[in-house]
């Protein structure tokens, strides 16, 4: 039952992330030529976490490190990879890079939350905070949110999103609220190790 619930949540979050462009489109969206390209911080170096394993996907142009006790899964729709803590309902998902011409970072971030709120499987979706950050050395948005899943479990999530030359990258960490703080440090290490390689 927990595996089914976990699969539903991961699928919902992936769908939300990929649909963010469509959820936020409006007649005043800037054209691709008016959205400035993100500039990478020249001092950026991905975090190297001792004991973590390396995951590289050349076709997606991404690399990340993850704890050896987390299980790697590949091949899910709209995801490059996901990493799970067995039996804990904890997931970390690297969404497949998505072409988002004309989209701004704010629109991408707002689309994530709007998509969660419109998902029929989730209730009481609440954005706790949204802040500017950096992901892979690029300007990014971090959203922390809560919701109640289909089985009544109170969940908390953290997403970091960036746009690079019209391509959206999103990392999402989700866990039951009672264990969120247990694994959030590992999730932050993973986010800091994330690199865009193309």
N, C-alpha and C. Protein backbone atom coordinates (compact mmCIF):
# COMPACT_ATOMS: atom_id res chain seq x y z
N UNK A 1 0.83 -1.19 0.00
CA UNK A 1 0.00 0.00 0.00
C UNK A 1 0.87 1.26 0.00
N UNK A 2 1.94 1.25 0.82
CA UNK A 2 2.83 2.41 0.85
C UNK A 2 3.51 2.63 -0.49
N UNK A 3 3.87 1.53 -1.17
CA UNK A 3 4.52 1.66 -2.47
C UNK A 3 3.56 2.27 -3.48
N UNK A 4 2.27 1.87 -3.44
CA UNK A 4 1.28 2.43 -4.35
C UNK A 4 1.10 3.92 -4.07
N UNK A 5 0.97 4.28 -2.80
CA UNK A 5 0.82 5.68 -2.42
C UNK A 5 2.03 6.48 -2.89
N UNK A 6 3.21 5.94 -2.66
CA UNK A 6 4.44 6.61 -3.06
C UNK A 6 4.47 6.82 -4.57
N UNK A 7 4.06 5.81 -5.35
CA UNK A 7 4.04 5.92 -6.81
C UNK A 7 3.06 6.99 -7.27
N UNK A 8 1.92 7.10 -6.61
CA UNK A 8 0.92 8.12 -6.95
C UNK A 8 1.50 9.51 -6.72
N UNK A 9 2.16 9.71 -5.58
CA UNK A 9 2.72 11.02 -5.25
C UNK A 9 3.82 11.40 -6.23
N UNK A 10 4.73 10.47 -6.51
CA UNK A 10 5.82 10.77 -7.46
C UNK A 10 5.25 11.12 -8.82
N UNK A 11 4.27 10.34 -9.29
CA UNK A 11 3.65 10.63 -10.59
C UNK A 11 2.98 12.00 -10.58
N UNK A 12 2.30 12.32 -9.49
CA UNK A 12 1.63 13.63 -9.40
C UNK A 12 2.63 14.76 -9.45
N UNK A 13 3.73 14.64 -8.72
CA UNK A 13 4.72 15.71 -8.70
C UNK A 13 5.42 15.85 -10.05
N UNK A 14 5.70 14.74 -10.71
CA UNK A 14 6.32 14.82 -12.03
C UNK A 14 5.39 15.48 -13.03
N UNK A 15 4.12 15.10 -13.00
CA UNK A 15 3.14 15.70 -13.91
C UNK A 15 3.03 17.19 -13.65
N UNK A 16 3.00 17.56 -12.39
CA UNK A 16 2.90 18.97 -12.00
C UNK A 16 4.11 19.74 -12.52
N UNK A 17 5.29 19.21 -12.32
CA UNK A 17 6.50 19.91 -12.74
C UNK A 17 6.53 20.09 -14.25
N UNK A 18 6.20 19.04 -14.98
CA UNK A 18 6.25 19.11 -16.43
C UNK A 18 5.15 20.00 -16.98
N UNK A 19 4.01 20.06 -16.30
CA UNK A 19 2.88 20.88 -16.77
C UNK A 19 2.99 22.33 -16.32
N UNK A 20 4.04 22.69 -15.61
CA UNK A 20 4.13 24.04 -15.07
C UNK A 20 4.03 25.11 -16.15
N UNK A 21 4.61 24.86 -17.30
CA UNK A 21 4.56 25.86 -18.36
C UNK A 21 3.14 26.13 -18.80
N UNK A 22 2.36 25.08 -18.99
CA UNK A 22 0.99 25.25 -19.44
C UNK A 22 0.10 25.87 -18.38
N UNK A 23 0.37 25.58 -17.13
CA UNK A 23 -0.47 26.09 -16.03
C UNK A 23 -0.29 27.57 -15.82
N UNK A 24 0.83 28.15 -16.26
CA UNK A 24 1.08 29.55 -15.97
C UNK A 24 1.05 30.43 -17.20
N UNK A 25 0.72 29.85 -18.36
CA UNK A 25 0.73 30.67 -19.56
C UNK A 25 -0.40 31.68 -19.53
N UNK A 26 -0.13 32.87 -20.07
CA UNK A 26 -1.16 33.88 -20.20
C UNK A 26 -0.78 34.80 -21.35
N UNK A 27 -1.65 35.72 -21.67
CA UNK A 27 -1.43 36.56 -22.84
C UNK A 27 -0.28 37.54 -22.65
N UNK A 28 0.15 37.76 -21.42
CA UNK A 28 1.24 38.70 -21.20
C UNK A 28 2.58 38.01 -20.99
N UNK A 29 2.67 36.71 -21.32
CA UNK A 29 3.94 36.00 -21.18
C UNK A 29 4.98 36.63 -22.08
N UNK A 30 6.18 36.80 -21.59
CA UNK A 30 7.22 37.39 -22.43
C UNK A 30 7.60 36.45 -23.55
N UNK A 31 8.01 37.02 -24.67
CA UNK A 31 8.47 36.18 -25.77
C UNK A 31 9.84 35.64 -25.42
N UNK A 32 10.26 34.53 -26.08
CA UNK A 32 11.57 33.96 -25.75
C UNK A 32 12.70 34.97 -25.85
N UNK A 33 12.60 35.94 -26.76
CA UNK A 33 13.69 36.88 -26.92
C UNK A 33 13.75 37.91 -25.78
N UNK A 34 12.64 38.05 -25.00
CA UNK A 34 12.64 39.03 -23.92
C UNK A 34 12.98 38.42 -22.56
N UNK A 35 13.08 37.10 -22.48
CA UNK A 35 13.46 36.45 -21.23
C UNK A 35 14.98 36.31 -21.22
N UNK A 36 15.66 37.00 -20.30
CA UNK A 36 17.12 36.92 -20.30
C UNK A 36 17.61 35.53 -19.94
N UNK A 37 18.71 35.13 -20.56
CA UNK A 37 19.30 33.83 -20.26
C UNK A 37 19.95 33.89 -18.88
N UNK A 38 19.81 32.80 -18.13
CA UNK A 38 20.42 32.73 -16.81
C UNK A 38 21.94 32.71 -16.96
N UNK A 39 22.60 33.36 -16.05
CA UNK A 39 24.07 33.39 -16.06
C UNK A 39 24.56 32.57 -14.87
N UNK A 40 25.42 31.62 -15.17
CA UNK A 40 25.97 30.75 -14.13
C UNK A 40 27.04 31.49 -13.33
N UNK A 41 27.00 31.28 -12.03
CA UNK A 41 28.04 31.84 -11.16
C UNK A 41 29.37 31.18 -11.53
N UNK A 42 30.36 31.96 -11.97
CA UNK A 42 31.62 31.35 -12.40
C UNK A 42 32.36 30.64 -11.28
N UNK A 43 32.02 30.94 -10.03
CA UNK A 43 32.68 30.29 -8.89
C UNK A 43 32.00 28.97 -8.50
N UNK A 44 30.91 28.61 -9.21
CA UNK A 44 30.18 27.40 -8.81
C UNK A 44 31.01 26.14 -8.97
N UNK A 45 30.99 25.32 -7.92
CA UNK A 45 31.57 23.98 -7.94
C UNK A 45 30.55 23.08 -7.26
N UNK A 46 30.11 22.00 -7.93
CA UNK A 46 29.13 21.12 -7.27
C UNK A 46 29.70 20.54 -5.99
N UNK A 47 28.84 20.42 -4.98
CA UNK A 47 29.27 19.85 -3.71
C UNK A 47 29.66 18.39 -3.92
N UNK A 48 30.77 17.99 -3.34
CA UNK A 48 31.21 16.60 -3.38
C UNK A 48 31.03 16.03 -1.98
N UNK A 49 30.03 15.14 -1.83
CA UNK A 49 29.70 14.61 -0.52
C UNK A 49 30.39 13.27 -0.33
N UNK A 50 31.26 13.19 0.65
CA UNK A 50 32.01 11.97 0.92
C UNK A 50 31.06 10.81 1.19
N UNK A 51 31.28 9.69 0.49
CA UNK A 51 30.48 8.49 0.70
C UNK A 51 29.24 8.41 -0.18
N UNK A 52 28.85 9.52 -0.83
CA UNK A 52 27.69 9.49 -1.71
C UNK A 52 28.08 8.86 -3.05
N UNK A 53 27.10 8.32 -3.74
CA UNK A 53 27.29 7.73 -5.06
C UNK A 53 27.03 8.78 -6.14
N UNK A 54 27.65 8.59 -7.30
CA UNK A 54 27.47 9.51 -8.42
C UNK A 54 26.44 8.97 -9.41
N UNK A 55 25.56 9.85 -9.87
CA UNK A 55 24.64 9.52 -10.95
C UNK A 55 24.84 10.55 -12.06
N UNK A 56 25.10 10.08 -13.26
CA UNK A 56 25.28 10.95 -14.43
C UNK A 56 24.33 10.49 -15.53
N UNK A 57 23.71 11.44 -16.19
CA UNK A 57 22.87 11.14 -17.34
C UNK A 57 23.30 12.09 -18.45
N UNK A 58 24.10 11.57 -19.39
CA UNK A 58 24.66 12.42 -20.43
C UNK A 58 23.59 12.97 -21.36
N UNK A 59 22.58 12.16 -21.69
CA UNK A 59 21.56 12.64 -22.62
C UNK A 59 20.72 13.76 -22.01
N UNK A 60 20.46 13.70 -20.71
CA UNK A 60 19.72 14.77 -20.02
C UNK A 60 20.64 15.92 -19.64
N UNK A 61 21.95 15.66 -19.63
CA UNK A 61 22.91 16.70 -19.29
C UNK A 61 22.91 17.06 -17.82
N UNK A 62 22.76 16.04 -16.96
CA UNK A 62 22.75 16.31 -15.52
C UNK A 62 23.62 15.30 -14.78
N UNK A 63 24.07 15.73 -13.59
CA UNK A 63 24.82 14.86 -12.69
C UNK A 63 24.39 15.21 -11.27
N UNK A 64 24.37 14.21 -10.40
CA UNK A 64 23.99 14.43 -9.01
C UNK A 64 24.59 13.32 -8.15
N UNK A 65 24.78 13.59 -6.87
CA UNK A 65 25.22 12.57 -5.92
C UNK A 65 24.06 12.20 -5.01
N UNK A 66 24.06 10.97 -4.52
CA UNK A 66 22.98 10.52 -3.64
C UNK A 66 23.50 9.54 -2.60
N UNK A 67 22.82 9.47 -1.44
CA UNK A 67 23.28 8.56 -0.39
C UNK A 67 23.20 7.10 -0.85
N UNK A 68 24.18 6.28 -0.48
CA UNK A 68 24.21 4.90 -0.94
C UNK A 68 23.02 4.06 -0.45
N UNK A 69 22.39 4.48 0.64
CA UNK A 69 21.25 3.71 1.15
C UNK A 69 19.94 4.05 0.42
N UNK A 70 19.95 5.08 -0.42
CA UNK A 70 18.75 5.45 -1.18
C UNK A 70 18.73 4.65 -2.48
N UNK A 71 17.55 4.22 -2.88
CA UNK A 71 17.40 3.38 -4.07
C UNK A 71 17.17 4.25 -5.30
N UNK A 72 17.97 4.01 -6.34
CA UNK A 72 17.85 4.72 -7.60
C UNK A 72 16.83 4.04 -8.50
N UNK A 73 15.93 4.83 -9.07
CA UNK A 73 14.97 4.32 -10.06
C UNK A 73 15.06 5.20 -11.30
N UNK A 74 14.98 4.57 -12.47
CA UNK A 74 15.00 5.30 -13.73
C UNK A 74 13.88 4.79 -14.62
N UNK A 75 13.53 5.59 -15.61
CA UNK A 75 12.55 5.14 -16.59
C UNK A 75 11.12 5.59 -16.32
N UNK A 76 10.87 6.30 -15.22
CA UNK A 76 9.52 6.81 -14.97
C UNK A 76 9.23 7.94 -15.95
N UNK A 77 7.97 8.08 -16.33
CA UNK A 77 7.58 9.15 -17.25
C UNK A 77 7.93 10.50 -16.64
N UNK A 78 8.50 11.37 -17.48
CA UNK A 78 8.82 12.75 -17.09
C UNK A 78 9.89 12.88 -16.02
N UNK A 79 10.62 11.81 -15.73
CA UNK A 79 11.68 11.88 -14.72
C UNK A 79 12.98 11.36 -15.32
N UNK A 80 14.07 12.04 -14.99
CA UNK A 80 15.38 11.52 -15.34
C UNK A 80 15.75 10.42 -14.35
N UNK A 81 15.50 10.68 -13.06
CA UNK A 81 15.81 9.69 -12.02
C UNK A 81 15.04 10.04 -10.76
N UNK A 82 14.81 9.02 -9.94
CA UNK A 82 14.26 9.27 -8.61
C UNK A 82 15.04 8.40 -7.63
N UNK A 83 15.11 8.89 -6.40
CA UNK A 83 15.87 8.24 -5.33
C UNK A 83 14.93 8.10 -4.15
N UNK A 84 14.81 6.89 -3.60
CA UNK A 84 13.82 6.62 -2.58
C UNK A 84 14.44 5.96 -1.35
N UNK A 85 13.84 6.26 -0.21
CA UNK A 85 14.22 5.59 1.03
C UNK A 85 13.19 4.49 1.25
N UNK A 86 13.62 3.26 1.17
CA UNK A 86 12.72 2.11 1.24
C UNK A 86 11.88 2.12 2.51
N UNK A 87 10.55 2.00 2.34
CA UNK A 87 9.63 1.89 3.46
C UNK A 87 9.33 3.16 4.21
N UNK A 88 9.97 4.28 3.82
CA UNK A 88 9.79 5.53 4.57
C UNK A 88 8.87 6.52 3.87
N UNK A 89 8.49 6.24 2.61
CA UNK A 89 7.66 7.18 1.87
C UNK A 89 8.40 8.44 1.47
N UNK A 90 9.74 8.36 1.40
CA UNK A 90 10.60 9.50 1.10
C UNK A 90 11.08 9.39 -0.34
N UNK A 91 10.98 10.49 -1.09
CA UNK A 91 11.46 10.47 -2.47
C UNK A 91 12.17 11.76 -2.83
N UNK A 92 13.10 11.64 -3.75
CA UNK A 92 13.81 12.77 -4.32
C UNK A 92 13.79 12.54 -5.81
N UNK A 93 13.20 13.47 -6.55
CA UNK A 93 13.01 13.28 -7.99
C UNK A 93 13.72 14.36 -8.78
N UNK A 94 14.43 13.92 -9.83
CA UNK A 94 15.03 14.83 -10.79
C UNK A 94 14.12 14.77 -12.02
N UNK A 95 13.34 15.82 -12.24
CA UNK A 95 12.43 15.84 -13.39
C UNK A 95 13.23 15.89 -14.68
N UNK A 96 12.67 15.34 -15.73
CA UNK A 96 13.32 15.43 -17.04
C UNK A 96 13.40 16.89 -17.45
N UNK A 97 14.54 17.34 -17.98
CA UNK A 97 14.63 18.73 -18.45
C UNK A 97 13.50 19.02 -19.43
N UNK A 98 12.88 20.19 -19.29
CA UNK A 98 11.70 20.54 -20.07
C UNK A 98 11.92 21.85 -20.82
N UNK A 99 11.63 21.84 -22.12
CA UNK A 99 11.74 23.05 -22.91
C UNK A 99 10.61 24.01 -22.54
N UNK A 100 10.96 25.21 -22.06
CA UNK A 100 9.98 26.20 -21.61
C UNK A 100 10.29 27.56 -22.23
N UNK A 101 10.20 27.66 -23.56
CA UNK A 101 10.53 28.94 -24.20
C UNK A 101 9.59 30.05 -23.74
N UNK A 102 10.15 31.20 -23.42
CA UNK A 102 9.35 32.34 -23.00
C UNK A 102 8.91 32.33 -21.56
N UNK A 103 9.19 31.26 -20.85
CA UNK A 103 8.79 31.14 -19.45
C UNK A 103 9.81 31.85 -18.55
N UNK A 104 9.33 32.49 -17.49
CA UNK A 104 10.23 33.07 -16.50
C UNK A 104 10.36 32.10 -15.33
N UNK A 105 11.36 32.31 -14.51
CA UNK A 105 11.56 31.46 -13.34
C UNK A 105 10.38 31.57 -12.38
N UNK A 106 9.85 32.77 -12.20
CA UNK A 106 8.68 32.94 -11.33
C UNK A 106 7.48 32.15 -11.85
N UNK A 107 7.25 32.18 -13.15
CA UNK A 107 6.14 31.42 -13.73
C UNK A 107 6.34 29.92 -13.54
N UNK A 108 7.56 29.47 -13.72
CA UNK A 108 7.88 28.05 -13.53
C UNK A 108 7.58 27.64 -12.09
N UNK A 109 8.01 28.44 -11.13
CA UNK A 109 7.78 28.16 -9.71
C UNK A 109 6.30 28.20 -9.37
N UNK A 110 5.61 29.24 -9.83
CA UNK A 110 4.17 29.36 -9.55
C UNK A 110 3.39 28.20 -10.15
N UNK A 111 3.83 27.74 -11.31
CA UNK A 111 3.16 26.62 -11.97
C UNK A 111 3.24 25.34 -11.16
N UNK A 112 4.36 25.13 -10.47
CA UNK A 112 4.50 23.94 -9.62
C UNK A 112 3.44 23.92 -8.53
N UNK A 113 3.30 25.03 -7.81
CA UNK A 113 2.33 25.09 -6.71
C UNK A 113 0.90 25.04 -7.25
N UNK A 114 0.63 25.77 -8.32
CA UNK A 114 -0.71 25.76 -8.91
C UNK A 114 -1.09 24.35 -9.35
N UNK A 115 -0.14 23.65 -9.96
CA UNK A 115 -0.40 22.29 -10.39
C UNK A 115 -0.69 21.35 -9.24
N UNK A 116 0.04 21.51 -8.12
CA UNK A 116 -0.24 20.70 -6.93
C UNK A 116 -1.64 21.00 -6.41
N UNK A 117 -2.01 22.28 -6.38
CA UNK A 117 -3.32 22.67 -5.86
C UNK A 117 -4.46 22.14 -6.74
N UNK A 118 -4.19 21.99 -8.03
CA UNK A 118 -5.22 21.51 -8.95
C UNK A 118 -5.24 19.99 -9.08
N UNK A 119 -4.30 19.32 -8.43
CA UNK A 119 -4.25 17.86 -8.49
C UNK A 119 -5.34 17.27 -7.61
N UNK A 120 -6.20 16.47 -8.20
CA UNK A 120 -7.33 15.90 -7.47
C UNK A 120 -6.96 14.89 -6.40
N UNK A 121 -5.73 14.35 -6.42
CA UNK A 121 -5.30 13.37 -5.43
C UNK A 121 -4.78 14.00 -4.15
N UNK A 122 -4.49 15.31 -4.18
CA UNK A 122 -3.89 15.98 -3.04
C UNK A 122 -4.86 17.02 -2.49
N UNK A 123 -4.87 17.18 -1.16
CA UNK A 123 -5.73 18.19 -0.55
C UNK A 123 -4.89 19.06 0.39
N UNK A 124 -5.43 20.22 0.72
CA UNK A 124 -4.78 21.16 1.63
C UNK A 124 -3.36 21.50 1.22
N UNK A 125 -3.15 21.72 -0.10
CA UNK A 125 -1.83 22.11 -0.57
C UNK A 125 -1.54 23.54 -0.11
N UNK A 126 -0.44 23.71 0.62
CA UNK A 126 -0.11 25.02 1.18
C UNK A 126 1.36 25.34 0.89
N UNK A 127 1.60 26.51 0.32
CA UNK A 127 2.96 26.98 0.12
C UNK A 127 3.44 27.61 1.42
N UNK A 128 4.46 27.02 2.06
CA UNK A 128 4.97 27.54 3.33
C UNK A 128 5.90 28.72 3.11
N UNK A 129 6.78 28.60 2.13
CA UNK A 129 7.64 29.73 1.77
C UNK A 129 8.26 29.51 0.41
N UNK A 130 8.64 30.61 -0.19
CA UNK A 130 9.29 30.60 -1.50
C UNK A 130 10.44 31.59 -1.41
N UNK A 131 11.60 31.20 -1.88
CA UNK A 131 12.77 32.06 -1.76
C UNK A 131 13.70 31.89 -2.95
N UNK A 132 14.53 32.89 -3.16
CA UNK A 132 15.55 32.81 -4.21
C UNK A 132 16.72 32.00 -3.69
N UNK A 133 17.30 31.22 -4.57
CA UNK A 133 18.46 30.41 -4.21
C UNK A 133 19.29 30.21 -5.47
N UNK A 134 20.18 29.25 -5.46
CA UNK A 134 20.95 28.89 -6.65
C UNK A 134 20.91 27.38 -6.80
N UNK A 135 20.85 26.94 -8.04
CA UNK A 135 20.87 25.51 -8.35
C UNK A 135 21.84 25.31 -9.50
N UNK A 136 22.84 24.48 -9.28
CA UNK A 136 23.90 24.23 -10.27
C UNK A 136 24.58 25.54 -10.69
N UNK A 137 24.61 26.51 -9.77
CA UNK A 137 25.26 27.78 -10.05
C UNK A 137 24.39 28.80 -10.75
N UNK A 138 23.15 28.43 -11.06
CA UNK A 138 22.22 29.33 -11.75
C UNK A 138 21.19 29.88 -10.77
N UNK A 139 20.63 31.08 -11.05
CA UNK A 139 19.55 31.58 -10.20
C UNK A 139 18.40 30.57 -10.17
N UNK A 140 17.84 30.37 -8.99
CA UNK A 140 16.80 29.35 -8.83
C UNK A 140 15.76 29.83 -7.83
N UNK A 141 14.67 29.08 -7.76
CA UNK A 141 13.60 29.35 -6.80
C UNK A 141 13.45 28.10 -5.94
N UNK A 142 13.30 28.30 -4.64
CA UNK A 142 13.05 27.18 -3.73
C UNK A 142 11.66 27.35 -3.13
N UNK A 143 10.83 26.33 -3.25
CA UNK A 143 9.48 26.32 -2.70
C UNK A 143 9.38 25.21 -1.67
N UNK A 144 8.85 25.52 -0.49
CA UNK A 144 8.58 24.52 0.54
C UNK A 144 7.06 24.49 0.73
N UNK A 145 6.49 23.30 0.70
CA UNK A 145 5.04 23.17 0.70
C UNK A 145 4.60 21.95 1.50
N UNK A 146 3.32 21.92 1.84
CA UNK A 146 2.73 20.77 2.51
C UNK A 146 1.44 20.39 1.78
N UNK A 147 1.02 19.16 1.99
CA UNK A 147 -0.25 18.69 1.45
C UNK A 147 -0.63 17.40 2.17
N UNK A 148 -1.86 16.98 1.98
CA UNK A 148 -2.33 15.70 2.50
C UNK A 148 -2.53 14.78 1.31
N UNK A 149 -1.88 13.61 1.37
CA UNK A 149 -1.95 12.67 0.27
C UNK A 149 -3.22 11.85 0.25
N UNK A 150 -3.38 11.01 -0.77
CA UNK A 150 -4.60 10.22 -0.94
C UNK A 150 -4.93 9.29 0.24
N UNK A 151 -3.91 8.85 0.97
CA UNK A 151 -4.17 7.96 2.11
C UNK A 151 -4.28 8.72 3.43
N UNK A 152 -4.32 10.07 3.35
CA UNK A 152 -4.47 10.88 4.56
C UNK A 152 -3.16 11.25 5.23
N UNK A 153 -2.02 10.85 4.66
CA UNK A 153 -0.73 11.18 5.25
C UNK A 153 -0.37 12.64 5.00
N UNK A 154 0.03 13.34 6.04
CA UNK A 154 0.49 14.73 5.91
C UNK A 154 1.92 14.70 5.39
N UNK A 155 2.12 15.37 4.25
CA UNK A 155 3.41 15.35 3.57
C UNK A 155 4.00 16.75 3.53
N UNK A 156 5.33 16.81 3.44
CA UNK A 156 6.02 18.09 3.23
C UNK A 156 6.98 17.92 2.08
N UNK A 157 7.12 18.96 1.28
CA UNK A 157 8.00 18.88 0.14
C UNK A 157 8.84 20.12 -0.02
N UNK A 158 9.93 19.97 -0.75
CA UNK A 158 10.81 21.08 -1.09
C UNK A 158 11.21 20.90 -2.55
N UNK A 159 11.04 21.95 -3.33
CA UNK A 159 11.41 21.90 -4.74
C UNK A 159 12.39 23.03 -5.03
N UNK A 160 13.39 22.75 -5.84
CA UNK A 160 14.28 23.78 -6.36
C UNK A 160 14.20 23.71 -7.88
N UNK A 161 13.98 24.89 -8.49
CA UNK A 161 13.79 24.96 -9.92
C UNK A 161 14.68 26.04 -10.52
N UNK A 162 15.19 25.78 -11.71
CA UNK A 162 15.95 26.80 -12.43
C UNK A 162 15.64 26.70 -13.91
N UNK A 163 15.87 27.79 -14.62
CA UNK A 163 15.71 27.85 -16.07
C UNK A 163 17.05 28.24 -16.68
N UNK A 164 17.51 27.44 -17.63
CA UNK A 164 18.78 27.72 -18.30
C UNK A 164 18.54 27.68 -19.80
N UNK A 165 18.67 28.83 -20.45
CA UNK A 165 18.46 28.93 -21.88
C UNK A 165 17.14 28.30 -22.33
N UNK A 166 16.08 28.61 -21.60
CA UNK A 166 14.75 28.12 -21.97
C UNK A 166 14.46 26.68 -21.58
N UNK A 167 15.35 26.05 -20.83
CA UNK A 167 15.14 24.68 -20.37
C UNK A 167 14.95 24.69 -18.86
N UNK A 168 13.87 24.06 -18.40
CA UNK A 168 13.59 24.01 -16.97
C UNK A 168 14.14 22.76 -16.33
N UNK A 169 14.74 22.94 -15.16
CA UNK A 169 15.26 21.83 -14.36
C UNK A 169 14.59 21.91 -12.99
N UNK A 170 14.12 20.78 -12.49
CA UNK A 170 13.42 20.77 -11.20
C UNK A 170 13.84 19.56 -10.38
N UNK A 171 14.14 19.80 -9.11
CA UNK A 171 14.44 18.76 -8.14
C UNK A 171 13.39 18.85 -7.05
N UNK A 172 12.83 17.71 -6.66
CA UNK A 172 11.77 17.72 -5.66
C UNK A 172 12.04 16.66 -4.60
N UNK A 173 12.01 17.09 -3.34
CA UNK A 173 12.13 16.19 -2.18
C UNK A 173 10.79 16.18 -1.47
N UNK A 174 10.26 14.98 -1.20
CA UNK A 174 8.96 14.84 -0.53
C UNK A 174 9.08 13.75 0.53
N UNK A 175 8.48 14.01 1.71
CA UNK A 175 8.50 13.03 2.80
C UNK A 175 7.29 13.25 3.71
N UNK A 176 6.85 12.21 4.40
CA UNK A 176 5.84 12.44 5.45
C UNK A 176 6.37 13.47 6.43
N UNK A 177 5.48 14.34 6.92
CA UNK A 177 5.94 15.42 7.80
C UNK A 177 6.70 14.94 9.02
N UNK A 178 6.35 13.77 9.55
CA UNK A 178 7.03 13.30 10.76
C UNK A 178 8.46 12.82 10.52
N UNK A 179 8.85 12.61 9.25
CA UNK A 179 10.24 12.22 8.97
C UNK A 179 10.94 13.20 8.04
N UNK A 180 10.25 14.27 7.66
CA UNK A 180 10.82 15.25 6.73
C UNK A 180 12.18 15.75 7.21
N UNK A 181 12.27 16.15 8.47
CA UNK A 181 13.52 16.72 8.99
C UNK A 181 14.63 15.68 9.09
N UNK A 182 14.28 14.41 9.18
CA UNK A 182 15.28 13.34 9.25
C UNK A 182 16.10 13.25 7.98
N UNK A 183 15.45 13.47 6.84
CA UNK A 183 16.11 13.27 5.54
C UNK A 183 16.39 14.57 4.79
N UNK A 184 15.95 15.71 5.32
CA UNK A 184 16.10 16.96 4.57
C UNK A 184 17.58 17.33 4.38
N UNK A 185 18.44 16.99 5.31
CA UNK A 185 19.87 17.27 5.15
C UNK A 185 20.46 16.54 3.95
N UNK A 186 20.09 15.27 3.80
CA UNK A 186 20.56 14.50 2.63
C UNK A 186 20.01 15.10 1.34
N UNK A 187 18.74 15.52 1.37
CA UNK A 187 18.14 16.13 0.18
C UNK A 187 18.86 17.43 -0.19
N UNK A 188 19.22 18.22 0.82
CA UNK A 188 19.95 19.47 0.55
C UNK A 188 21.34 19.18 -0.01
N UNK A 189 21.99 18.14 0.50
CA UNK A 189 23.29 17.74 -0.06
C UNK A 189 23.14 17.37 -1.53
N UNK A 190 22.08 16.63 -1.84
CA UNK A 190 21.84 16.23 -3.22
C UNK A 190 21.63 17.45 -4.11
N UNK A 191 20.84 18.40 -3.64
CA UNK A 191 20.58 19.61 -4.42
C UNK A 191 21.87 20.40 -4.65
N UNK A 192 22.73 20.45 -3.63
CA UNK A 192 23.98 21.19 -3.76
C UNK A 192 24.99 20.45 -4.65
N UNK A 193 24.81 19.14 -4.82
CA UNK A 193 25.71 18.38 -5.69
C UNK A 193 25.24 18.39 -7.14
N UNK A 194 24.00 18.83 -7.38
CA UNK A 194 23.42 18.79 -8.72
C UNK A 194 24.20 19.68 -9.67
N UNK A 195 24.44 19.15 -10.88
CA UNK A 195 25.17 19.91 -11.90
C UNK A 195 24.50 19.74 -13.26
N UNK A 196 24.44 20.82 -14.00
CA UNK A 196 23.97 20.78 -15.39
C UNK A 196 25.21 20.73 -16.25
N UNK A 197 25.33 19.66 -17.03
CA UNK A 197 26.59 19.39 -17.71
C UNK A 197 26.59 19.71 -19.20
N UNK A 198 25.48 20.25 -19.69
CA UNK A 198 25.50 20.63 -21.12
C UNK A 198 24.85 21.97 -21.34
